[in-house]
Amino acid sequence: HSWASSGAELARMNQRTGMAVESLSALKFAAEATGTEFESVEVGIKRMQKAIYASARKGEGPAFLRGMIGLSPEKQLDAIADKLAAMGNPAERAAVAMQIFGKSGTAMLPMLSRGAAGLAEFRKEAEAMGLIRSKEDVENALRLSVAWGHLTGSVTALKNALGSAIGPLLTGVATRMREGVKAVRDWVKANQPLVVQFFQIGALAV
């Protein structure tokens, strides 16, 4: 189930961002290694693509984005990481990162701090650890995840059908049990000395 869930997450992120699942696998490792939430990385990548488009079409944002619109998301991220790593002023770096990646910008800075070379090193480490998922692998995981969801839905439907069938019966049983418990409670209140004596005898026996 864990394999299916994580693979399905990568498959759907591939569909949403256009970034290859192999690259996303490496970024997930990089994010975890630098204490960055992977969800923030996805939001940042989508915001990055929007910023690059706005820069190319409207001249908005950092000037160095304007030549990146035809590049793959991976190359765009590498180029931006190099630009950010080259900035000596931390305040400027953070401001530019937020211009490009939105609110995820500052969260992604530790992951991007060593530029494209750092991202390549993270990928190399992930490959060595066997953490890079293939497209075929995540597609299989997505299919299993969907099938698991359907199975869960079917079990829920069965549970609902059973509840509908035996609900009235159980309601009657619960009502009678409640009345029985009340009767026992009333008897205990009315016979406290006897109850205490019973437990004293039991304690002595033990």
Protein backbone atom coordinates (compact mmCIF):
# COMPACT_ATOMS: atom_id res chain seq x y z
CA HIS A 1 0.00 0.00 0.00
CA SER A 2 2.88 2.35 0.82
CA TRP A 3 4.52 1.57 -2.52
CA ALA A 4 1.26 2.23 -4.36
CA SER A 5 0.54 5.49 -2.52
CA SER A 6 3.99 7.00 -3.04
CA GLY A 7 4.09 5.91 -6.69
CA ALA A 8 0.61 7.29 -7.35
CA GLU A 9 1.69 10.58 -5.80
CA LEU A 10 4.62 10.82 -8.24
CA ALA A 11 2.46 9.79 -11.22
CA ARG A 12 -0.12 12.47 -10.49
CA MET A 13 2.56 15.09 -9.86
CA ASN A 14 4.09 14.19 -13.22
CA GLN A 15 0.72 14.89 -14.84
CA ARG A 16 0.34 18.21 -13.01
CA THR A 17 3.85 19.59 -13.53
CA GLY A 18 5.19 17.93 -16.68
CA MET A 19 8.37 16.94 -14.82
CA ALA A 20 9.63 13.38 -15.35
CA VAL A 21 8.94 10.94 -12.52
CA GLU A 22 12.66 10.17 -12.28
CA SER A 23 13.37 13.85 -11.64
CA LEU A 24 10.50 14.08 -9.17
CA SER A 25 11.89 11.05 -7.30
CA ALA A 26 15.24 12.83 -6.96
CA LEU A 27 13.55 16.05 -5.85
CA LYS A 28 11.58 14.14 -3.23
CA PHE A 29 14.82 12.77 -1.83
CA ALA A 30 16.40 16.25 -1.93
CA ALA A 31 13.39 17.75 -0.17
CA GLU A 32 13.45 15.14 2.58
CA ALA A 33 17.22 15.54 3.00
CA THR A 34 16.88 19.31 3.51
CA GLY A 35 13.73 19.32 5.64
CA THR A 36 11.45 20.62 2.88
CA GLU A 37 7.88 19.40 2.48
CA PHE A 38 7.46 17.72 -0.91
CA GLU A 39 4.06 19.36 -1.35
CA SER A 40 5.82 22.74 -1.20
CA VAL A 41 8.14 21.62 -4.00
CA GLU A 42 5.20 20.84 -6.29
CA VAL A 43 3.55 24.17 -5.53
CA GLY A 44 6.88 25.89 -6.17
CA ILE A 45 7.40 24.17 -9.52
CA LYS A 46 3.94 25.17 -10.75
CA ARG A 47 4.51 28.72 -9.54
CA MET A 48 7.92 28.71 -11.28
CA GLN A 49 6.35 27.77 -14.61
CA LYS A 50 3.79 30.55 -14.20
CA ALA A 51 6.56 33.06 -13.40
CA ILE A 52 8.59 32.01 -16.45
CA TYR A 53 5.57 32.42 -18.70
CA ALA A 54 4.80 35.85 -17.23
CA SER A 55 8.41 36.92 -17.68
CA ALA A 56 8.52 35.81 -21.33
CA ARG A 57 5.11 37.21 -22.31
CA LYS A 58 4.80 40.28 -20.11
CA GLY A 59 8.33 41.07 -18.99
CA GLU A 60 7.44 40.52 -15.34
CA GLY A 61 9.73 39.18 -12.62
CA PRO A 62 13.50 38.56 -12.72
CA ALA A 63 15.02 39.25 -16.16
CA PHE A 64 16.98 35.99 -16.21
CA LEU A 65 13.70 34.04 -16.53
CA ARG A 66 12.91 35.36 -19.99
CA GLY A 67 14.93 32.85 -21.97
CA MET A 68 13.69 29.78 -20.11
CA ILE A 69 10.19 29.31 -21.53
CA GLY A 70 11.25 26.65 -24.06
CA LEU A 71 13.24 24.57 -21.58
CA SER A 72 12.07 21.45 -19.74
CA PRO A 73 10.99 21.96 -16.11
CA GLU A 74 14.16 20.17 -15.00
CA LYS A 75 16.44 22.55 -16.92
CA GLN A 76 14.42 25.54 -15.75
CA LEU A 77 14.89 24.49 -12.13
CA ASP A 78 18.62 23.86 -12.64
CA ALA A 79 19.13 27.29 -14.21
CA ILE A 80 17.21 29.05 -11.45
CA ALA A 81 19.09 27.13 -8.76
CA ASP A 82 22.40 28.32 -10.26
CA LYS A 83 21.19 31.93 -10.30
CA LEU A 84 20.03 31.78 -6.70
CA ALA A 85 23.22 30.07 -5.51
CA ALA A 86 25.30 32.83 -7.14
CA MET A 87 23.53 35.59 -5.18
CA GLY A 88 25.68 36.71 -2.27
CA ASN A 89 22.97 38.65 -0.46
CA PRO A 90 20.69 36.27 1.51
CA ALA A 91 17.85 38.81 1.62
CA GLU A 92 17.97 39.28 -2.16
CA ARG A 93 18.12 35.51 -2.65
CA ALA A 94 15.04 34.99 -0.51
CA ALA A 95 13.13 37.80 -2.23
CA VAL A 96 13.91 36.46 -5.72
CA ALA A 97 13.04 32.90 -4.65
CA MET A 98 9.63 34.09 -3.50
CA GLN A 99 9.13 35.99 -6.77
CA ILE A 100 9.71 32.77 -8.67
CA PHE A 101 8.34 30.03 -6.40
CA GLY A 102 5.77 32.01 -4.40
CA LYS A 103 5.39 31.16 -0.72
CA SER A 104 7.36 27.94 -1.29
CA GLY A 105 10.43 29.94 -2.29
CA THR A 106 12.11 30.25 1.09
CA ALA A 107 11.24 26.64 1.98
CA MET A 108 13.01 25.44 -1.18
CA LEU A 109 16.20 27.49 -0.66
CA PRO A 110 18.08 24.81 1.35
CA MET A 111 17.40 22.31 -1.44
CA LEU A 112 18.64 24.76 -4.10
CA SER A 113 21.54 26.23 -2.13
CA ARG A 114 24.26 24.44 -4.14
CA GLY A 115 22.75 25.15 -7.54
CA ALA A 116 22.32 22.61 -10.32
CA ALA A 117 25.39 20.71 -9.15
CA GLY A 118 23.78 20.22 -5.75
CA LEU A 119 20.56 18.91 -7.32
CA ALA A 120 22.62 16.53 -9.46
CA GLU A 121 24.39 15.29 -6.33
CA PHE A 122 21.06 14.64 -4.63
CA ARG A 123 19.94 12.65 -7.66
CA LYS A 124 23.18 10.63 -7.63
CA GLU A 125 22.63 9.78 -3.96
CA ALA A 126 19.00 8.82 -4.60
CA GLU A 127 20.07 6.55 -7.48
CA ALA A 128 22.67 4.87 -5.29
CA MET A 129 20.00 4.20 -2.67
CA GLY A 130 17.54 2.82 -5.25
CA LEU A 131 15.03 5.62 -4.67
CA ILE A 132 14.53 6.69 -8.29
CA ARG A 133 11.15 5.44 -9.53
CA SER A 134 10.60 4.72 -13.24
CA LYS A 135 7.59 5.83 -15.26
CA GLU A 136 6.42 2.22 -15.63
CA ASP A 137 6.80 1.65 -11.90
CA VAL A 138 4.70 4.65 -10.88
CA GLU A 139 2.04 3.90 -13.50
CA ASN A 140 1.68 0.40 -12.03
CA ALA A 141 1.52 1.95 -8.57
CA LEU A 142 -1.17 4.37 -9.74
CA ARG A 143 -3.27 1.51 -11.14
CA LEU A 144 -2.98 -0.40 -7.86
CA SER A 145 -3.84 2.74 -5.89
CA VAL A 146 -6.98 3.27 -7.98
CA ALA A 147 -7.96 -0.41 -7.63
CA TRP A 148 -7.38 -0.19 -3.87
CA GLY A 149 -9.62 2.87 -3.74
CA HIS A 150 -12.36 0.99 -5.59
CA LEU A 151 -12.01 -1.96 -3.21
CA THR A 152 -12.23 0.38 -0.20
CA GLY A 153 -15.36 1.93 -1.71
CA SER A 154 -16.90 -1.51 -2.20
CA VAL A 155 -16.17 -2.48 1.40
CA THR A 156 -17.73 0.79 2.56
CA ALA A 157 -20.83 0.03 0.48
CA LEU A 158 -21.02 -3.45 2.03
CA LYS A 159 -20.70 -1.94 5.51
CA ASN A 160 -23.51 0.50 4.72
CA ALA A 161 -25.74 -2.29 3.41
CA LEU A 162 -25.12 -4.40 6.52
CA GLY A 163 -25.77 -1.43 8.77
CA SER A 164 -29.01 -0.68 6.97
CA ALA A 165 -30.13 -4.30 7.29
CA ILE A 166 -29.34 -4.93 10.95
CA GLY A 167 -29.52 -1.36 12.26
CA PRO A 168 -33.11 -1.63 13.51
CA LEU A 169 -32.34 -4.94 15.24
CA LEU A 170 -29.25 -3.52 16.96
CA THR A 171 -31.21 -0.44 18.02
CA GLY A 172 -33.64 -2.67 19.89
CA VAL A 173 -30.81 -4.68 21.45
CA ALA A 174 -29.02 -1.50 22.54
CA THR A 175 -32.22 -0.14 24.08
CA ARG A 176 -32.79 -3.34 26.07
CA MET A 177 -29.14 -3.42 27.19
CA ARG A 178 -29.41 0.17 28.35
CA GLU A 179 -32.49 -0.71 30.38
CA GLY A 180 -30.69 -3.72 31.83
CA VAL A 181 -27.65 -1.64 32.82
CA LYS A 182 -29.94 0.90 34.47
CA ALA A 183 -31.65 -1.87 36.42
CA VAL A 184 -28.29 -3.21 37.64
CA ARG A 185 -27.17 0.31 38.59
CA ASP A 186 -30.35 0.88 40.59
CA TRP A 187 -29.90 -2.48 42.36
CA VAL A 188 -26.28 -1.62 43.26
CA LYS A 189 -27.36 1.73 44.70
CA ALA A 190 -30.05 0.02 46.75
CA ASN A 191 -27.75 -2.73 48.02
CA GLN A 192 -24.40 -1.05 48.59
CA PRO A 193 -23.50 -2.91 51.82
CA LEU A 194 -24.13 -6.24 50.11
CA VAL A 195 -21.98 -5.23 47.11
CA VAL A 196 -19.13 -4.15 49.41
CA GLN A 197 -19.37 -7.43 51.32
CA PHE A 198 -19.28 -9.38 48.04
CA PHE A 199 -16.05 -7.68 46.95
CA GLN A 200 -14.49 -8.15 50.38
CA ILE A 201 -15.20 -11.88 50.18
CA GLY A 202 -13.73 -11.94 46.69
CA ALA A 203 -10.59 -10.12 47.85
CA LEU A 204 -10.11 -12.57 50.71
CA ALA A 205 -10.57 -15.50 48.35
CA VAL A 206 -7.88 -14.14 46.03
